[in-house]
Amino acid sequence: MRCFATIHRAALGPVLLAATLVGCNAGADKGTTTNSNASADSTATASAAPEAPANSPLQLVGELREPQFVGVAVLPDQRVLIVSPRWDYNPVNPIAILGPDNSVQPYPDAKWCMWNDSVRTEPEKHWISPQAATVDRSGMLWVLDPAAPGLKYTVPGGPKLVKIDPKTNQVVQTIRFDQTVAPRKSYLNDVRIDLDHNYAYITESSQGGLVVVDLKTQKARRVLTNHPSVKAEDIRLNVEGNPMLDPMGKPAKLHSDGIALSRDNQHLYYHAVTGYTLYRIPTAALRNASLSEAQLGAQVENLGKTPACDGLEIDANNNLYITAIEQNAVVRRTPDGKIETLAKDPRLQWPDTYFLTPDNTLYVTASAIHKTPTWNKGVGKQNQPYRLFKMALPK
């Protein structure tokens, strides 16, 4: 996903927090090294799950009964990587390679996937609760770890952006964020890499805001923290009949989340989950540290209404792809603002994250966030596996 940190914290309590401290080895990935458990559980739940429409363009890539996965990236050698934050589950492999048989393997290795008391003095060397992954145009993988297990508070020294070379499967750079960038109640959510200017751009979804990272100096700044474009709107989400009320009975307020970078690296697009408005800002303005917050805010463009969404992606023609969470749909916004539905499928329960490959294959995760206990008075209502789909983009 991309964030429901603000409201989730108060409800999870000591049980889940204790679970996150037990560590990866105590978690349960159904199919951690083989697909035996994943297949069995997936089959058990499939009968209750919606079926694919006859004309759906979506192809099933893989599925897991647990843990929940939200992010996806496809490496240059076609390995498929999935991201499982430590929210309601405590995954053994929070970053994993998903095999064609639904097997999962730790990435880059089992040590990085371990998080327990034995390694708490090295938060920069372990996945604490990773949230997103992307691949830059040079083929390097970047993983964003907000380090807030249970969506509660960040682990001191844990929030980080990690660069990995898929050819060697070795970490080559780790950028750590201090509390001026990632406060204890923050949740870094999604990331895009700009190699033209050697910068990264990140959404922060617990309080709302953007983070601008100079990849050369490793210095980062929070910006637009109080700007309305990064804040949840005064609306009520309704996903498959679920009014999305938090454990206190209050409507979900999910701030800046989805993010996309234009192919020329000139504009950054972003969207709150609780909202129907798309925004963009020139990346040159984001990189200009001399601008005041008011001057920077004046550069924000309101691009009009879209469906409520979680993830964003953009293609070479500046078509913007939107995960329409209330419609179970893959939606495209053309450069002239036209909204087109490319796929509507009941299996897309909370379409979450996109990844677009160079051959224009669009991957999308279905994370069923609205069926997790947090949004259902403590009772999980998941009736199908967490799934990964792909589709060829229409010409």
Protein backbone atom coordinates (compact mmCIF):
# COMPACT_ATOMS: atom_id res chain seq x y z
CA MET A 1 0.00 0.00 0.00
CA ARG A 2 0.95 2.81 0.75
CA CYS A 3 -0.13 3.85 4.06
CA PHE A 4 -2.58 3.85 6.77
CA ALA A 5 -0.06 4.55 9.44
CA THR A 6 -1.77 7.37 11.30
CA ILE A 7 -4.83 5.47 12.42
CA HIS A 8 -3.36 2.00 12.62
CA ARG A 9 -0.95 2.79 15.41
CA ALA A 10 -3.42 3.21 18.20
CA ALA A 11 -5.23 -0.02 17.51
CA LEU A 12 -2.52 -2.63 17.14
CA GLY A 13 -1.31 -2.62 20.73
CA PRO A 14 1.31 -4.74 22.45
CA VAL A 15 0.45 -8.07 20.83
CA LEU A 16 1.47 -7.04 17.34
CA LEU A 17 4.40 -5.04 18.61
CA ALA A 18 5.68 -8.12 20.40
CA ALA A 19 5.25 -10.11 17.23
CA THR A 20 7.42 -7.70 15.29
CA LEU A 21 10.22 -8.15 17.82
CA VAL A 22 10.21 -11.92 17.52
CA GLY A 23 11.84 -11.56 14.14
CA CYS A 24 11.67 -12.95 10.65
CA ASN A 25 12.34 -16.52 11.63
CA ALA A 26 9.16 -16.64 13.70
CA GLY A 27 6.95 -15.34 10.91
CA ALA A 28 4.95 -17.42 8.49
CA ASP A 29 5.41 -17.05 4.76
CA LYS A 30 3.20 -19.58 3.06
CA GLY A 31 5.72 -20.86 0.56
CA THR A 32 8.96 -19.41 1.86
CA THR A 33 11.19 -21.89 0.06
CA THR A 34 8.72 -24.00 -1.86
CA ASN A 35 5.16 -23.49 -2.98
CA SER A 36 3.64 -26.32 -0.93
CA ASN A 37 2.03 -24.25 1.82
CA ALA A 38 1.16 -21.37 -0.46
CA SER A 39 -0.58 -23.65 -2.91
CA ALA A 40 -2.54 -25.44 -0.23
CA ASP A 41 -3.77 -22.25 1.41
CA SER A 42 -4.44 -20.54 -1.89
CA THR A 43 -6.57 -23.45 -3.05
CA ALA A 44 -8.48 -23.46 0.21
CA THR A 45 -9.53 -19.84 -0.17
CA ALA A 46 -9.99 -19.73 -3.92
CA SER A 47 -13.51 -21.20 -3.85
CA ALA A 48 -14.78 -18.22 -1.87
CA ALA A 49 -12.99 -15.69 -4.01
CA PRO A 50 -14.41 -13.86 -7.05
CA GLU A 51 -13.67 -15.34 -10.44
CA ALA A 52 -11.95 -13.66 -13.35
CA PRO A 53 -14.21 -12.06 -15.95
CA ALA A 54 -14.02 -13.83 -19.28
CA ASN A 55 -12.58 -10.73 -20.99
CA SER A 56 -10.15 -9.63 -18.28
CA PRO A 57 -6.75 -8.60 -19.65
CA LEU A 58 -5.14 -9.44 -16.28
CA GLN A 59 -2.91 -12.50 -16.10
CA LEU A 60 -2.14 -14.06 -12.73
CA VAL A 61 1.59 -13.98 -11.98
CA GLY A 62 1.54 -15.40 -8.45
CA GLU A 63 -0.40 -15.59 -5.21
CA LEU A 64 0.22 -16.13 -1.51
CA ARG A 65 -2.30 -16.80 1.23
CA GLU A 66 0.10 -15.00 3.53
CA PRO A 67 1.92 -12.80 4.18
CA GLN A 68 0.29 -9.76 2.63
CA PHE A 69 2.48 -8.16 -0.01
CA VAL A 70 1.98 -4.64 -1.31
CA GLY A 71 4.93 -3.75 -3.54
CA VAL A 72 6.42 -5.21 -6.70
CA ALA A 73 9.45 -4.63 -8.90
CA VAL A 74 10.75 -6.60 -11.88
CA LEU A 75 14.53 -6.86 -12.09
CA PRO A 76 16.37 -6.60 -15.44
CA ASP A 77 16.83 -10.40 -15.50
CA GLN A 78 13.02 -10.78 -15.14
CA ARG A 79 13.07 -11.90 -11.51
CA VAL A 80 9.95 -10.66 -9.77
CA LEU A 81 10.47 -9.04 -6.38
CA ILE A 82 7.65 -8.51 -3.86
CA VAL A 83 7.52 -6.34 -0.74
CA SER A 84 5.80 -7.44 2.49
CA PRO A 85 5.83 -4.84 5.26
CA ARG A 86 5.49 -5.94 8.87
CA TRP A 87 1.92 -4.80 9.44
CA ASP A 88 -0.60 -7.47 10.43
CA TYR A 89 1.86 -10.22 9.43
CA ASN A 90 5.46 -10.84 10.47
CA PRO A 91 6.93 -12.11 7.19
CA VAL A 92 10.02 -14.28 7.15
CA ASN A 93 11.04 -12.63 3.88
CA PRO A 94 9.83 -9.02 3.76
CA ILE A 95 11.76 -8.57 0.52
CA ALA A 96 11.55 -11.69 -1.60
CA ILE A 97 11.87 -13.10 -5.09
CA LEU A 98 8.56 -14.64 -6.12
CA GLY A 99 8.97 -17.81 -8.17
CA PRO A 100 6.60 -19.08 -10.87
CA ASP A 101 5.55 -21.84 -8.44
CA ASN A 102 4.63 -19.25 -5.75
CA SER A 103 7.85 -19.96 -3.87
CA VAL A 104 9.57 -17.03 -2.18
CA GLN A 105 13.27 -16.56 -1.53
CA PRO A 106 14.83 -13.90 0.74
CA TYR A 107 16.43 -10.93 -0.96
CA PRO A 108 19.20 -10.00 -1.07
CA ASP A 109 19.75 -12.71 1.54
CA ALA A 110 18.31 -14.17 4.73
CA LYS A 111 20.43 -11.93 6.96
CA TRP A 112 18.93 -8.77 5.52
CA CYS A 113 15.45 -10.24 6.09
CA MET A 114 16.10 -10.93 9.77
CA TRP A 115 14.75 -8.48 12.33
CA ASN A 116 14.75 -9.45 16.00
CA ASP A 117 16.43 -8.53 19.26
CA SER A 118 19.71 -10.10 18.20
CA VAL A 119 20.22 -7.54 15.42
CA ARG A 120 18.57 -4.44 16.89
CA THR A 121 21.92 -2.65 17.11
CA GLU A 122 22.22 -2.78 13.30
CA PRO A 123 18.93 -1.34 11.99
CA GLU A 124 20.66 -0.07 8.86
CA LYS A 125 21.56 -3.62 7.79
CA HIS A 126 18.14 -5.28 8.02
CA TRP A 127 14.68 -4.92 6.55
CA ILE A 128 12.59 -3.68 9.46
CA SER A 129 9.33 -3.05 7.61
CA PRO A 130 10.05 -2.31 3.94
CA GLN A 131 7.31 -0.62 1.96
CA ALA A 132 8.32 -0.04 -1.66
CA ALA A 133 10.80 -0.99 -4.36
CA THR A 134 11.63 0.40 -7.77
CA VAL A 135 14.23 -0.11 -10.50
CA ASP A 136 15.99 2.86 -12.06
CA ARG A 137 16.77 3.09 -15.77
CA SER A 138 20.31 1.79 -15.19
CA GLY A 139 18.89 -1.42 -13.75
CA MET A 140 19.63 -0.74 -10.09
CA LEU A 141 17.09 -1.74 -7.45
CA TRP A 142 16.05 0.71 -4.73
CA VAL A 143 14.15 -0.40 -1.62
CA LEU A 144 12.45 2.03 0.76
CA ASP A 145 12.18 0.95 4.39
CA PRO A 146 10.18 3.33 6.62
CA ALA A 147 11.13 1.07 9.55
CA ALA A 148 7.80 1.38 11.36
CA PRO A 149 6.75 -2.20 12.24
CA GLY A 150 3.06 -2.55 13.03
CA LEU A 151 2.65 0.95 11.55
CA LYS A 152 3.43 2.34 14.99
CA TYR A 153 6.69 4.26 15.43
CA THR A 154 9.91 4.28 13.46
CA VAL A 155 12.84 2.31 14.85
CA PRO A 156 15.65 4.80 15.58
CA GLY A 157 18.28 4.54 12.86
CA GLY A 158 16.03 2.29 10.77
CA PRO A 159 14.39 4.49 8.06
CA LYS A 160 16.47 4.12 4.93
CA LEU A 161 16.71 3.96 1.16
CA VAL A 162 18.83 1.04 -0.04
CA LYS A 163 20.41 0.60 -3.48
CA ILE A 164 21.14 -2.96 -4.62
CA ASP A 165 22.91 -4.20 -7.75
CA PRO A 166 20.75 -7.08 -9.09
CA LYS A 167 23.74 -8.46 -11.03
CA THR A 168 25.62 -9.21 -7.81
CA ASN A 169 22.71 -9.06 -5.34
CA GLN A 170 24.88 -6.81 -3.19
CA VAL A 171 23.93 -3.62 -1.39
CA VAL A 172 25.94 -0.75 -2.84
CA GLN A 173 24.47 2.26 -1.02
CA THR A 174 22.38 2.87 2.09
CA ILE A 175 20.95 6.31 2.78
CA ARG A 176 19.66 6.67 6.33
CA PHE A 177 17.07 9.24 7.34
CA ASP A 178 17.22 10.98 10.71
CA GLN A 179 14.21 12.22 12.64
CA THR A 180 14.17 15.59 10.88
CA VAL A 181 13.23 13.66 7.73
CA ALA A 182 11.52 10.59 9.20
CA PRO A 183 10.08 11.53 12.63
CA ARG A 184 8.99 8.76 14.99
CA LYS A 185 5.40 9.00 13.74
CA SER A 186 6.30 9.17 10.05
CA TYR A 187 5.78 6.58 7.33
CA LEU A 188 7.90 6.87 4.19
CA ASN A 189 5.75 5.35 1.51
CA ASP A 190 6.90 5.28 -2.11
CA VAL A 191 9.93 6.37 -4.10
CA ARG A 192 11.05 7.34 -7.59
CA ILE A 193 14.63 7.79 -8.81
CA ASP A 194 15.80 10.66 -11.03
CA LEU A 195 19.16 9.76 -12.55
CA ASP A 196 19.32 12.91 -14.66
CA HIS A 197 19.77 14.96 -11.51
CA ASN A 198 20.84 12.19 -9.10
CA TYR A 199 17.86 12.66 -6.78
CA ALA A 200 15.15 10.53 -5.21
CA TYR A 201 11.61 11.67 -4.42
CA ILE A 202 9.56 10.03 -1.66
CA THR A 203 6.00 10.38 -0.35
CA GLU A 204 5.40 10.46 3.40
CA SER A 205 1.91 9.28 4.23
CA SER A 206 1.47 9.33 8.00
CA GLN A 207 1.46 13.11 8.29
CA GLY A 208 1.62 14.07 4.62
CA GLY A 209 4.57 15.48 2.73
CA LEU A 210 7.37 14.80 0.27
CA VAL A 211 11.01 13.97 0.92
CA VAL A 212 13.71 15.11 -1.51
CA VAL A 213 16.98 13.17 -1.42
CA ASP A 214 20.29 14.18 -2.99
CA LEU A 215 21.76 10.77 -3.85
CA LYS A 216 25.28 12.14 -4.12
CA THR A 217 25.50 13.95 -0.79
CA GLN A 218 22.87 11.68 0.86
CA LYS A 219 21.21 14.76 2.33
CA ALA A 220 17.41 14.78 2.52
CA ARG A 221 14.71 17.39 3.17
CA ARG A 222 11.01 17.17 4.07
CA VAL A 223 8.91 19.57 2.02
CA LEU A 224 5.26 20.59 1.57
CA THR A 225 4.45 19.13 4.99
CA ASN A 226 1.59 21.59 5.54
CA HIS A 227 0.43 21.95 1.95
CA PRO A 228 -3.15 20.81 1.21
CA SER A 229 -2.00 18.75 -1.79
CA VAL A 230 -0.34 16.18 0.49
CA LYS A 231 -3.24 15.94 2.94
CA ALA A 232 -6.24 13.61 2.99
CA GLU A 233 -9.42 15.21 1.68
CA ASP A 234 -12.70 15.42 3.58
CA ILE A 235 -14.27 12.40 1.91
CA ARG A 236 -15.29 8.89 2.97
CA LEU A 237 -13.75 5.99 1.10
CA ASN A 238 -15.93 2.96 0.39
CA VAL A 239 -14.16 -0.13 -0.93
CA GLU A 240 -16.38 -3.09 -1.81
CA GLY A 241 -18.96 -1.93 0.71
CA ASN A 242 -16.40 -1.29 3.45
CA PRO A 243 -16.72 2.33 4.66
CA MET A 244 -13.07 2.27 5.78
CA LEU A 245 -13.55 3.26 9.40
CA ASP A 246 -10.62 2.96 11.77
CA PRO A 247 -10.87 1.07 15.10
CA MET A 248 -12.16 4.25 16.75
CA GLY A 249 -14.95 4.51 14.18
CA LYS A 250 -13.40 7.46 12.36
CA PRO A 251 -13.14 7.64 8.55
CA ALA A 252 -9.74 6.76 7.11
CA LYS A 253 -7.42 9.70 6.58
CA LEU A 254 -4.63 8.45 4.32
CA HIS A 255 -2.27 11.17 3.11
CA SER A 256 0.22 11.51 0.21
CA ASP A 257 0.92 8.05 -1.12
CA GLY A 258 1.02 7.27 -4.84
CA ILE A 259 3.89 8.81 -6.79
CA ALA A 260 5.06 8.89 -10.42
CA LEU A 261 7.96 10.61 -12.16
CA SER A 262 7.59 11.77 -15.75
CA ARG A 263 9.96 10.07 -18.17
CA ASP A 264 11.82 13.33 -18.75
CA ASN A 265 12.19 13.70 -14.97
CA GLN A 266 10.64 17.16 -15.12
CA HIS A 267 7.47 16.56 -13.09
CA LEU A 268 6.56 14.54 -10.01
CA TYR A 269 2.93 13.39 -9.73
CA TYR A 270 1.38 12.45 -6.38
CA HIS A 271 -1.97 11.62 -4.81
CA ALA A 272 -3.43 11.05 -1.34
CA VAL A 273 -5.29 7.76 -0.86
CA THR A 274 -8.16 9.58 0.85
CA GLY A 275 -8.74 11.95 -2.01
CA TYR A 276 -9.95 12.39 -5.56
CA THR A 277 -7.40 14.97 -6.71
CA LEU A 278 -4.16 14.50 -8.63
CA TYR A 279 -1.26 16.92 -8.22
CA ARG A 280 2.13 17.46 -9.77
CA ILE A 281 5.10 19.72 -9.15
CA PRO A 282 8.22 20.54 -11.21
CA THR A 283 11.15 18.55 -9.91
CA ALA A 284 13.38 21.60 -10.40
CA ALA A 285 11.36 23.31 -7.68
CA LEU A 286 11.75 20.33 -5.36
CA ARG A 287 15.52 20.38 -5.83
CA ASN A 288 15.76 24.11 -5.14
CA ALA A 289 16.47 24.25 -1.41
CA SER A 290 16.39 28.06 -1.44
CA LEU A 291 12.62 28.15 -2.01
CA SER A 292 10.43 28.79 1.01
CA GLU A 293 7.53 26.45 1.72
CA ALA A 294 5.16 29.11 0.36
CA GLN A 295 7.20 29.52 -2.81
CA LEU A 296 7.37 25.77 -3.27
CA GLY A 297 3.65 25.39 -2.65
CA ALA A 298 2.97 27.95 -5.37
CA GLN A 299 4.59 25.54 -7.86
CA VAL A 300 2.05 22.76 -7.16
CA GLU A 301 -0.42 22.11 -9.98
CA ASN A 302 -3.93 20.75 -9.41
CA LEU A 303 -4.59 18.36 -12.31
CA GLY A 304 -8.22 17.71 -11.49
CA LYS A 305 -10.30 14.79 -10.32
CA THR A 306 -9.44 11.10 -10.54
CA PRO A 307 -10.65 7.97 -8.73
CA ALA A 308 -9.31 7.41 -5.22
CA CYS A 309 -6.06 5.53 -5.64
CA ASP A 310 -3.08 3.97 -3.95
CA GLY A 311 -0.40 3.55 -6.61
CA LEU A 312 0.63 5.56 -9.67
CA GLU A 313 2.78 4.83 -12.72
CA ILE A 314 3.51 6.69 -15.96
CA ASP A 315 4.50 5.60 -19.46
CA ALA A 316 6.63 7.14 -22.20
CA ASN A 317 3.60 8.96 -23.63
CA ASN A 318 2.79 10.55 -20.25
CA ASN A 319 -0.27 8.41 -19.70
CA LEU A 320 -0.71 8.10 -15.95
CA TYR A 321 -1.91 4.75 -14.53
CA ILE A 322 -4.03 4.86 -11.39
CA THR A 323 -4.99 1.99 -9.06
CA ALA A 324 -8.70 2.71 -8.63
CA ILE A 325 -9.31 1.13 -5.22
CA GLU A 326 -13.05 1.80 -5.05
CA GLN A 327 -13.67 0.36 -8.54
CA ASN A 328 -11.36 -2.73 -8.48
CA ALA A 329 -9.85 -1.28 -11.62
CA VAL A 330 -6.76 -0.29 -13.57
CA VAL A 331 -7.41 3.24 -14.80
CA ARG A 332 -5.45 5.47 -17.15
CA ARG A 333 -5.40 9.26 -17.29
CA THR A 334 -4.31 10.56 -20.68
CA PRO A 335 -2.22 13.74 -21.00
CA ASP A 336 -5.37 15.70 -21.88
CA GLY A 337 -7.06 14.57 -18.67
CA LYS A 338 -9.34 11.85 -20.04
CA ILE A 339 -9.98 8.95 -17.62
CA GLU A 340 -10.08 5.48 -19.22
CA THR A 341 -10.73 2.11 -17.54
CA LEU A 342 -8.32 -0.53 -18.89
CA ALA A 343 -9.30 -3.42 -16.61
CA LYS A 344 -12.09 -3.93 -14.09
CA ASP A 345 -11.82 -7.21 -12.24
CA PRO A 346 -13.30 -8.34 -8.89
CA ARG A 347 -10.00 -10.11 -8.13
CA LEU A 348 -8.36 -6.67 -7.89
CA GLN A 349 -9.19 -6.28 -4.23
CA TRP A 350 -7.45 -3.02 -3.38
CA PRO A 351 -5.14 -2.66 -6.40
CA ASP A 352 -2.06 -1.29 -4.70
CA THR A 353 1.23 -0.87 -6.54
CA TYR A 354 2.22 -0.76 -10.21
CA PHE A 355 5.46 -1.61 -11.92
CA LEU A 356 5.90 -0.94 -15.64
CA THR A 357 8.56 -2.91 -17.53
CA PRO A 358 10.45 -1.64 -20.61
CA ASP A 359 8.26 -3.80 -22.88
CA ASN A 360 5.11 -2.06 -21.53
CA THR A 361 3.93 -4.88 -19.31
CA LEU A 362 2.12 -3.42 -16.31
CA TYR A 363 2.30 -5.37 -13.04
CA VAL A 364 -0.16 -4.66 -10.22
CA THR A 365 -0.51 -6.07 -6.70
CA ALA A 366 -3.85 -6.73 -4.99
CA SER A 367 -3.25 -6.21 -1.27
CA ALA A 368 -6.86 -6.36 0.07
CA ILE A 369 -6.11 -3.71 2.69
CA HIS A 370 -9.82 -3.09 3.26
CA LYS A 371 -10.23 -6.70 4.42
CA THR A 372 -7.54 -6.61 7.09
CA PRO A 373 -8.50 -6.61 10.80
CA THR A 374 -7.70 -2.92 11.22
CA TRP A 375 -10.61 -1.91 9.01
CA ASN A 376 -13.03 -4.61 10.19
CA LYS A 377 -13.26 -4.19 13.97
CA GLY A 378 -10.36 -6.58 14.51
CA VAL A 379 -11.67 -9.39 12.30
CA GLY A 380 -9.89 -10.20 9.03
CA LYS A 381 -12.22 -10.75 6.07
CA GLN A 382 -9.77 -11.81 3.40
CA ASN A 383 -11.42 -14.39 1.14
CA GLN A 384 -8.73 -14.88 -1.46
CA PRO A 385 -4.92 -14.97 -1.65
CA TYR A 386 -2.90 -11.82 -2.05
CA ARG A 387 -2.22 -11.71 -5.76
CA LEU A 388 0.08 -10.26 -8.38
CA PHE A 389 -1.22 -9.63 -11.89
CA LYS A 390 0.18 -8.33 -15.13
CA MET A 391 -1.26 -7.01 -18.37
CA ALA A 392 0.03 -5.72 -21.67
CA LEU A 393 -0.71 -2.05 -22.11
CA PRO A 394 -3.06 -1.27 -24.99
CA LYS A 395 -1.47 0.47 -27.94
